[in-house]
C-alpha atoms as a PDB file:
ATOM      1  CA  MET A   1      -4.718 -21.348  -7.872  1.00  0.00           C
ATOM      2  CA  ASN A   2      -5.530 -18.234  -9.853  1.00  0.00           C
ATOM      3  CA  LYS A   3      -3.156 -15.436 -10.804  1.00  0.00           C
ATOM      4  CA  LEU A   4      -2.784 -12.368  -8.619  1.00  0.00           C
ATOM      5  CA  ALA A   5      -5.289  -9.692  -9.706  1.00  0.00           C
ATOM      6  CA  ILE A   6      -4.531  -6.029  -8.973  1.00  0.00           C
ATOM      7  CA  THR A   7      -7.240  -3.365  -9.050  1.00  0.00           C
ATOM      8  CA  TRP A   8      -6.324   0.290  -8.584  1.00  0.00           C
ATOM      9  CA  LEU A   9      -9.004   2.319  -6.813  1.00  0.00           C
ATOM     10  CA  GLY A  10      -7.158   5.632  -7.164  1.00  0.00           C
ATOM     11  CA  HIS A  11      -4.373   7.337  -5.201  1.00  0.00           C
ATOM     12  CA  SER A  12      -2.717   4.608  -3.066  1.00  0.00           C
ATOM     13  CA  THR A  13      -5.773   2.399  -2.607  1.00  0.00           C
ATOM     14  CA  PHE A  14      -5.543  -1.077  -4.129  1.00  0.00           C
ATOM     15  CA  LEU A  15      -7.724  -4.167  -4.020  1.00  0.00           C
ATOM     16  CA  LEU A  16      -5.749  -7.350  -4.603  1.00  0.00           C
ATOM     17  CA  ARG A  17      -7.241 -10.777  -5.180  1.00  0.00           C
ATOM     18  CA  THR A  18      -4.603 -13.288  -4.179  1.00  0.00           C
ATOM     19  CA  PRO A  19      -4.017 -16.635  -5.935  1.00  0.00           C
ATOM     20  CA  GLY A  20      -5.963 -18.264  -3.093  1.00  0.00           C
ATOM     21  CA  GLY A  21      -8.924 -15.929  -3.553  1.00  0.00           C
ATOM     22  CA  LYS A  22      -8.356 -13.589  -0.594  1.00  0.00           C
ATOM     23  CA  ARG A  23      -9.280  -9.930  -1.135  1.00  0.00           C
ATOM     24  CA  LEU A  24      -6.712  -7.509   0.299  1.00  0.00           C
ATOM     25  CA  LEU A  25      -7.448  -3.792   0.554  1.00  0.00           C
ATOM     26  CA  PHE A  26      -4.443  -1.495   0.962  1.00  0.00           C
ATOM     27  CA  ASP A  27      -4.777   2.034   2.385  1.00  0.00           C
ATOM     28  CA  PRO A  28      -8.538   2.534   2.034  1.00  0.00           C
ATOM     29  CA  TRP A  29      -9.373   6.023   0.842  1.00  0.00           C
ATOM     30  CA  LEU A  30     -12.417   5.089  -1.193  1.00  0.00           C
ATOM     31  CA  GLY A  31     -13.654   8.665  -1.232  1.00  0.00           C
ATOM     32  CA  ASN A  32     -10.708   9.790  -3.317  1.00  0.00           C
ATOM     33  CA  PRO A  33     -11.733  11.680  -6.463  1.00  0.00           C
ATOM     34  CA  ASN A  34     -10.620   8.878  -8.803  1.00  0.00           C
ATOM     35  CA  CYS A  35     -12.314   5.901  -7.154  1.00  0.00           C
ATOM     36  CA  PRO A  36     -15.194   4.622  -9.316  1.00  0.00           C
ATOM     37  CA  GLU A  37     -18.571   4.915  -7.627  1.00  0.00           C
ATOM     38  CA  SER A  38     -19.247   1.211  -8.137  1.00  0.00           C
ATOM     39  CA  MET A  39     -16.133   0.281  -6.153  1.00  0.00           C
ATOM     40  CA  LYS A  40     -16.586   2.426  -3.049  1.00  0.00           C
ATOM     41  CA  LYS A  41     -17.865  -0.535  -0.996  1.00  0.00           C
ATOM     42  CA  PRO A  42     -15.676  -3.468  -2.010  1.00  0.00           C
ATOM     43  CA  LYS A  43     -15.864  -6.967  -0.565  1.00  0.00           C
ATOM     44  CA  VAL A  44     -12.743  -7.378   1.564  1.00  0.00           C
ATOM     45  CA  ASP A  45     -11.102 -10.161   3.596  1.00  0.00           C
ATOM     46  CA  LEU A  46      -8.134  -8.190   4.980  1.00  0.00           C
ATOM     47  CA  ILE A  47      -7.319  -4.484   5.310  1.00  0.00           C
ATOM     48  CA  LEU A  48      -3.724  -3.223   5.514  1.00  0.00           C
ATOM     49  CA  VAL A  49      -3.000   0.376   6.531  1.00  0.00           C
ATOM     50  CA  SER A  50       0.489   1.807   6.072  1.00  0.00           C
ATOM     51  CA  HIS A  51       0.082   4.997   8.118  1.00  0.00           C
ATOM     52  CA  GLY A  52      -2.346   7.453   9.634  1.00  0.00           C
ATOM     53  CA  HIS A  53      -2.805  10.159   7.014  1.00  0.00           C
ATOM     54  CA  PHE A  54      -6.363  10.752   5.812  1.00  0.00           C
ATOM     55  CA  ASP A  55      -5.552   9.875   2.207  1.00  0.00           C
ATOM     56  CA  HIS A  56      -4.575   6.365   3.319  1.00  0.00           C
ATOM     57  CA  MET A  57      -7.067   5.508   6.053  1.00  0.00           C
ATOM     58  CA  GLU A  58     -10.077   7.804   5.675  1.00  0.00           C
ATOM     59  CA  ASP A  59     -12.370   4.836   5.032  1.00  0.00           C
ATOM     60  CA  VAL A  60     -10.770   2.156   7.190  1.00  0.00           C
ATOM     61  CA  ILE A  61     -13.385   2.387   9.967  1.00  0.00           C
ATOM     62  CA  GLY A  62     -16.365   2.210   7.617  1.00  0.00           C
ATOM     63  CA  THR A  63     -14.894  -0.615   5.577  1.00  0.00           C
ATOM     64  CA  ALA A  64     -13.909  -2.602   8.668  1.00  0.00           C
ATOM     65  CA  ARG A  65     -17.432  -2.230  10.072  1.00  0.00           C
ATOM     66  CA  ASP A  66     -19.117  -3.134   6.786  1.00  0.00           C
ATOM     67  CA  THR A  67     -16.972  -6.176   6.028  1.00  0.00           C
ATOM     68  CA  GLY A  68     -15.745  -7.446   9.411  1.00  0.00           C
ATOM     69  CA  ALA A  69     -12.300  -7.800   7.839  1.00  0.00           C
ATOM     70  CA  PRO A  70      -9.325  -7.667  10.220  1.00  0.00           C
ATOM     71  CA  VAL A  71      -7.141  -4.558  10.022  1.00  0.00           C
ATOM     72  CA  VAL A  72      -3.347  -4.869   9.994  1.00  0.00           C
ATOM     73  CA  GLY A  73      -1.383  -1.793  10.994  1.00  0.00           C
ATOM     74  CA  ILE A  74       1.217  -0.472  13.385  1.00  0.00           C
ATOM     75  CA  PHE A  75       0.435  -0.738  17.105  1.00  0.00           C
ATOM     76  CA  GLU A  76      -0.606   2.864  17.785  1.00  0.00           C
ATOM     77  CA  LEU A  77      -2.899   3.046  14.764  1.00  0.00           C
ATOM     78  CA  CYS A  78      -4.613  -0.206  15.752  1.00  0.00           C
ATOM     79  CA  ASP A  79      -4.997   1.074  19.310  1.00  0.00           C
ATOM     80  CA  TRP A  80      -6.765   4.183  17.975  1.00  0.00           C
ATOM     81  CA  LEU A  81      -9.035   2.020  15.832  1.00  0.00           C
ATOM     82  CA  GLY A  82      -9.912  -0.071  18.867  1.00  0.00           C
ATOM     83  CA  ARG A  83     -10.937   3.061  20.746  1.00  0.00           C
ATOM     84  CA  LYS A  84     -13.174   3.902  17.775  1.00  0.00           C
ATOM     85  CA  GLY A  85     -14.940   0.558  18.133  1.00  0.00           C
ATOM     86  CA  ILE A  86     -12.981  -1.553  15.643  1.00  0.00           C
ATOM     87  CA  GLN A  87     -12.052  -4.659  17.616  1.00  0.00           C
ATOM     88  CA  ASN A  88     -10.881  -6.929  14.790  1.00  0.00           C
ATOM     89  CA  VAL A  89      -7.377  -5.504  14.569  1.00  0.00           C
ATOM     90  CA  SER A  90      -4.086  -7.334  14.146  1.00  0.00           C
ATOM     91  CA  PRO A  91      -1.353  -4.909  15.290  1.00  0.00           C
ATOM     92  CA  MET A  92       2.311  -5.348  14.539  1.00  0.00           C
ATOM     93  CA  ASN A  93       5.501  -3.341  14.256  1.00  0.00           C
ATOM     94  CA  LYS A  94       8.488  -2.950  11.991  1.00  0.00           C
ATOM     95  CA  GLY A  95      10.565  -6.074  11.505  1.00  0.00           C
ATOM     96  CA  GLY A  96       7.744  -8.302  12.716  1.00  0.00           C
ATOM     97  CA  SER A  97       5.771 -10.828  10.701  1.00  0.00           C
ATOM     98  CA  GLN A  98       2.463 -12.594  11.156  1.00  0.00           C
ATOM     99  CA  GLU A  99       0.546 -15.346   9.421  1.00  0.00           C
ATOM    100  CA  ILE A 100      -2.979 -14.253   8.592  1.00  0.00           C
ATOM    101  CA  LEU A 101      -5.516 -15.783   6.196  1.00  0.00           C
ATOM    102  CA  GLY A 102      -2.817 -18.053   4.795  1.00  0.00           C
ATOM    103  CA  LEU A 103      -0.539 -15.119   3.979  1.00  0.00           C
ATOM    104  CA  ARG A 104       2.717 -14.019   5.605  1.00  0.00           C
ATOM    105  CA  VAL A 105       2.732 -10.299   6.289  1.00  0.00           C
ATOM    106  CA  THR A 106       5.936  -8.497   7.308  1.00  0.00           C
ATOM    107  CA  MET A 107       6.046  -4.844   8.326  1.00  0.00           C
ATOM    108  CA  THR A 108       8.943  -2.820   6.956  1.00  0.00           C
ATOM    109  CA  ASP A 109      10.282   0.670   7.488  1.00  0.00           C
ATOM    110  CA  ALA A 110       9.037   3.726   5.596  1.00  0.00           C
ATOM    111  CA  ARG A 111      10.320   7.310   5.800  1.00  0.00           C
ATOM    112  CA  HIS A 112       7.398   9.699   6.150  1.00  0.00           C
ATOM    113  CA  SER A 113       5.091  10.945   8.934  1.00  0.00           C
ATOM    114  CA  SER A 114       1.819   9.686  10.373  1.00  0.00           C
ATOM    115  CA  GLY A 115      -1.079  11.419  12.077  1.00  0.00           C
ATOM    116  CA  CYS A 116      -4.689  12.420  11.524  1.00  0.00           C
ATOM    117  CA  PHE A 117      -7.175  14.963  12.801  1.00  0.00           C
ATOM    118  CA  SER A 118      -9.596  13.442  15.306  1.00  0.00           C
ATOM    119  CA  ASP A 119     -12.023  15.548  17.317  1.00  0.00           C
ATOM    120  CA  GLY A 120     -10.278  18.687  16.117  1.00  0.00           C
ATOM    121  CA  GLN A 121      -6.775  17.640  17.153  1.00  0.00           C
ATOM    122  CA  MET A 122      -3.848  16.019  15.392  1.00  0.00           C
ATOM    123  CA  VAL A 123      -3.453  12.489  16.773  1.00  0.00           C
ATOM    124  CA  TYR A 124      -0.185  10.552  16.581  1.00  0.00           C
ATOM    125  CA  MET A 125      -0.692   7.298  14.697  1.00  0.00           C
ATOM    126  CA  GLY A 126       2.637   5.609  15.207  1.00  0.00           C
ATOM    127  CA  GLU A 127       5.359   5.559  12.588  1.00  0.00           C
ATOM    128  CA  PRO A 128       4.656   5.020   8.886  1.00  0.00           C
ATOM    129  CA  ALA A 129       5.402   1.586   7.520  1.00  0.00           C
ATOM    130  CA  GLY A 130       5.399  -0.630   4.462  1.00  0.00           C
ATOM    131  CA  PHE A 131       4.358  -4.246   3.980  1.00  0.00           C
ATOM    132  CA  VAL A 132       5.899  -7.314   2.415  1.00  0.00           C
ATOM    133  CA  VAL A 133       3.233  -9.931   1.722  1.00  0.00           C
ATOM    134  CA  ARG A 134       4.056 -13.474   0.656  1.00  0.00           C
ATOM    135  CA  LEU A 135       1.106 -14.935  -1.190  1.00  0.00           C
ATOM    136  CA  GLU A 136      -0.188 -18.509  -1.269  1.00  0.00           C
ATOM    137  CA  ASP A 137       1.785 -19.424  -4.397  1.00  0.00           C
ATOM    138  CA  GLY A 138       5.070 -17.986  -3.084  1.00  0.00           C
ATOM    139  CA  MET A 139       4.895 -14.724  -5.021  1.00  0.00           C
ATOM    140  CA  THR A 140       5.928 -11.765  -2.861  1.00  0.00           C
ATOM    141  CA  ILE A 141       4.756  -8.167  -3.126  1.00  0.00           C
ATOM    142  CA  TYR A 142       6.125  -5.048  -1.477  1.00  0.00           C
ATOM    143  CA  TYR A 143       3.773  -2.176  -0.711  1.00  0.00           C
ATOM    144  CA  SER A 144       5.939   0.721   0.408  1.00  0.00           C
ATOM    145  CA  GLY A 145       3.290   3.120   1.688  1.00  0.00           C
ATOM    146  CA  ASP A 146       4.308   6.774   1.517  1.00  0.00           C
ATOM    147  CA  THR A 147       8.072   7.093   1.670  1.00  0.00           C
ATOM    148  CA  CYS A 148      11.176   8.689   0.312  1.00  0.00           C
ATOM    149  CA  LEU A 149      13.971   6.594  -1.134  1.00  0.00           C
ATOM    150  CA  PHE A 150      16.100   4.937   1.557  1.00  0.00           C
ATOM    151  CA  GLY A 151      19.080   2.619   1.369  1.00  0.00           C
ATOM    152  CA  ASP A 152      17.535  -0.224   3.340  1.00  0.00           C
ATOM    153  CA  MET A 153      15.304  -0.962   0.375  1.00  0.00           C
ATOM    154  CA  LYS A 154      18.282  -2.991  -0.776  1.00  0.00           C
ATOM    155  CA  LEU A 155      17.969  -5.114   2.381  1.00  0.00           C
ATOM    156  CA  ILE A 156      14.238  -5.540   1.762  1.00  0.00           C
ATOM    157  CA  GLY A 157      15.134  -6.826  -1.673  1.00  0.00           C
ATOM    158  CA  GLU A 158      17.792  -9.187  -0.366  1.00  0.00           C
ATOM    159  CA  LEU A 159      15.688 -10.564   2.511  1.00  0.00           C
ATOM    160  CA  TYR A 160      12.295 -10.952   0.880  1.00  0.00           C
ATOM    161  CA  ARG A 161      12.993 -10.873  -2.876  1.00  0.00           C
ATOM    162  CA  PRO A 162       9.744  -9.167  -3.869  1.00  0.00           C
ATOM    163  CA  ASP A 163       8.458  -9.737  -7.380  1.00  0.00           C
ATOM    164  CA  ILE A 164       6.282  -6.617  -7.529  1.00  0.00           C
ATOM    165  CA  ALA A 165       6.676  -3.237  -5.795  1.00  0.00           C
ATOM    166  CA  PHE A 166       3.930  -0.679  -5.225  1.00  0.00           C
ATOM    167  CA  LEU A 167       5.735   2.671  -5.020  1.00  0.00           C
ATOM    168  CA  PRO A 168       4.669   6.341  -4.788  1.00  0.00           C
ATOM    169  CA  ILE A 169       5.847   8.593  -7.602  1.00  0.00           C
ATOM    170  CA  GLY A 170       3.950  11.859  -7.105  1.00  0.00           C
ATOM    171  CA  ASP A 171       6.774  13.943  -5.564  1.00  0.00           C
ATOM    172  CA  ARG A 172       6.243  16.764  -3.019  1.00  0.00           C
ATOM    173  CA  PHE A 173       5.155  14.387  -0.201  1.00  0.00           C
ATOM    174  CA  THR A 174       6.872  11.176  -1.379  1.00  0.00           C
ATOM    175  CA  MET A 175       9.395   9.896  -3.870  1.00  0.00           C
ATOM    176  CA  ASP A 176       9.403  11.230  -7.397  1.00  0.00           C
ATOM    177  CA  PRO A 177       9.877   9.018 -10.487  1.00  0.00           C
ATOM    178  CA  VAL A 178      13.680   9.337 -10.325  1.00  0.00           C
ATOM    179  CA  GLN A 179      13.791   8.026  -6.748  1.00  0.00           C
ATOM    180  CA  ALA A 180      11.170   5.372  -7.482  1.00  0.00           C
ATOM    181  CA  ALA A 181      13.263   4.049 -10.373  1.00  0.00           C
ATOM    182  CA  ARG A 182      16.262   3.759  -8.069  1.00  0.00           C
ATOM    183  CA  ALA A 183      14.067   2.022  -5.480  1.00  0.00           C
ATOM    184  CA  CYS A 184      13.109  -0.575  -8.098  1.00  0.00           C
ATOM    185  CA  GLU A 185      16.768  -1.301  -8.721  1.00  0.00           C
ATOM    186  CA  LEU A 186      17.544  -1.624  -5.014  1.00  0.00           C
ATOM    187  CA  LEU A 187      14.562  -3.942  -4.513  1.00  0.00           C
ATOM    188  CA  GLY A 188      15.384  -6.091  -7.527  1.00  0.00           C
ATOM    189  CA  VAL A 189      11.740  -6.304  -8.628  1.00  0.00           C
ATOM    190  CA  LYS A 190      10.475  -7.396 -12.024  1.00  0.00           C
ATOM    191  CA  GLN A 191       7.455  -5.118 -12.011  1.00  0.00           C
ATOM    192  CA  VAL A 192       6.442  -1.837 -10.357  1.00  0.00           C
ATOM    193  CA  VAL A 193       2.966  -0.406  -9.793  1.00  0.00           C
ATOM    194  CA  PRO A 194       3.069   3.405  -9.437  1.00  0.00           C
ATOM    195  CA  MET A 195       0.769   5.073  -6.914  1.00  0.00           C
ATOM    196  CA  HIS A 196       0.172   8.339  -5.046  1.00  0.00           C
ATOM    197  CA  TYR A 197       0.145  10.452  -8.192  1.00  0.00           C
ATOM    198  CA  GLY A 198      -2.346  12.496 -10.181  1.00  0.00           C
ATOM    199  CA  THR A 199      -4.884  12.926  -7.374  1.00  0.00           C
ATOM    200  CA  PHE A 200      -3.999  16.580  -6.759  1.00  0.00           C
ATOM    201  CA  PRO A 201      -2.127  19.138  -8.905  1.00  0.00           C
ATOM    202  CA  LEU A 202       0.759  19.085  -6.414  1.00  0.00           C
ATOM    203  CA  LEU A 203       1.471  15.418  -7.258  1.00  0.00           C
ATOM    204  CA  THR A 204       3.310  15.957 -10.512  1.00  0.00           C
ATOM    205  CA  GLY A 205       5.132  12.658 -11.098  1.00  0.00           C
ATOM    206  CA  THR A 206       3.793  10.387 -13.842  1.00  0.00           C
ATOM    207  CA  PRO A 207       4.114   6.707 -14.810  1.00  0.00           C
ATOM    208  CA  GLU A 208       5.556   7.803 -18.156  1.00  0.00           C
ATOM    209  CA  GLN A 209       8.411   9.561 -16.354  1.00  0.00           C
ATOM    210  CA  LEU A 210       9.011   6.400 -14.311  1.00  0.00           C
ATOM    211  CA  GLU A 211       9.166   4.386 -17.521  1.00  0.00           C
ATOM    212  CA  GLN A 212      11.749   6.784 -18.929  1.00  0.00           C
ATOM    213  CA  HIS A 213      13.972   6.384 -15.885  1.00  0.00           C
ATOM    214  CA  LEU A 214      13.629   2.591 -16.022  1.00  0.00           C
ATOM    215  CA  ALA A 215      14.320   2.348 -19.735  1.00  0.00           C
ATOM    216  CA  GLY A 216      16.617  -0.586 -20.490  1.00  0.00           C
ATOM    217  CA  SER A 217      16.298  -2.060 -16.970  1.00  0.00           C
ATOM    218  CA  GLY A 218      13.820  -4.783 -17.917  1.00  0.00           C
ATOM    219  CA  ILE A 219      11.498  -3.651 -15.098  1.00  0.00           C
ATOM    220  CA  GLU A 220       7.887  -3.387 -16.238  1.00  0.00           C
ATOM    221  CA  VAL A 221       5.747  -0.422 -15.173  1.00  0.00           C
ATOM    222  CA  LEU A 222       2.156  -1.542 -14.656  1.00  0.00           C
ATOM    223  CA  LYS A 223       0.038   1.462 -15.586  1.00  0.00           C
ATOM    224  CA  LEU A 224      -3.564   1.141 -14.414  1.00  0.00           C
ATOM    225  CA  LYS A 225      -6.540   3.422 -14.779  1.00  0.00           C
ATOM    226  CA  PRO A 226      -8.740   3.837 -11.678  1.00  0.00           C
ATOM    227  CA  GLY A 227     -11.049   0.837 -11.504  1.00  0.00           C
ATOM    228  CA  GLU A 228      -8.922  -1.198 -13.922  1.00  0.00           C
ATOM    229  CA  THR A 229      -7.765  -4.718 -13.012  1.00  0.00           C
ATOM    230  CA  ALA A 230      -4.612  -6.449 -14.189  1.00  0.00           C
ATOM    231  CA  SER A 231      -3.711 -10.081 -13.614  1.00  0.00           C
END
């Protein structure tokens, strides 16, 4: 098996190549201002959507149609996708798990909101969520989606023992670097990948601030440039 490869496509959109070679796309907003032009139509085996805001699912329909990849999301969001013609959906809800493509995907809580404009109206997309994904080699990742800090992150850490956390740090709409550093401690992770920062002026948190608040903890901050891959 290969090592996990993580590619940041800007904002909260990530393309992961698992040790078994599966390509996972998280929260597809490929039209975000930082996504490289060459990566706007990635090859994908599985799409995971944390919630229904445009900056996390703007390109889920197009990507699902282009690739045929199944879409994992909360029940209401998958129902909406089905009514838009996307039939290869794999709905779930918080606390539930499913085996898909040789991976174990568990949906966790997130504290945020979820809805998008469709046909001129705000449509409810179910509650926001996060994902714990156990990979083929046993490594476990936690993708929080948009959220504030909440105490049950400690339970996520105890139950699933994630190695890597993907956490928002931008502030204003999500956690800031101070809260994200505390989340890392609650989760017990060895490495954190910051996201949901720098896209707009309102998102003021930075990876450098996260590093400062994690100084001495032994937790590594993986700082990626848009389009960059780390493995």
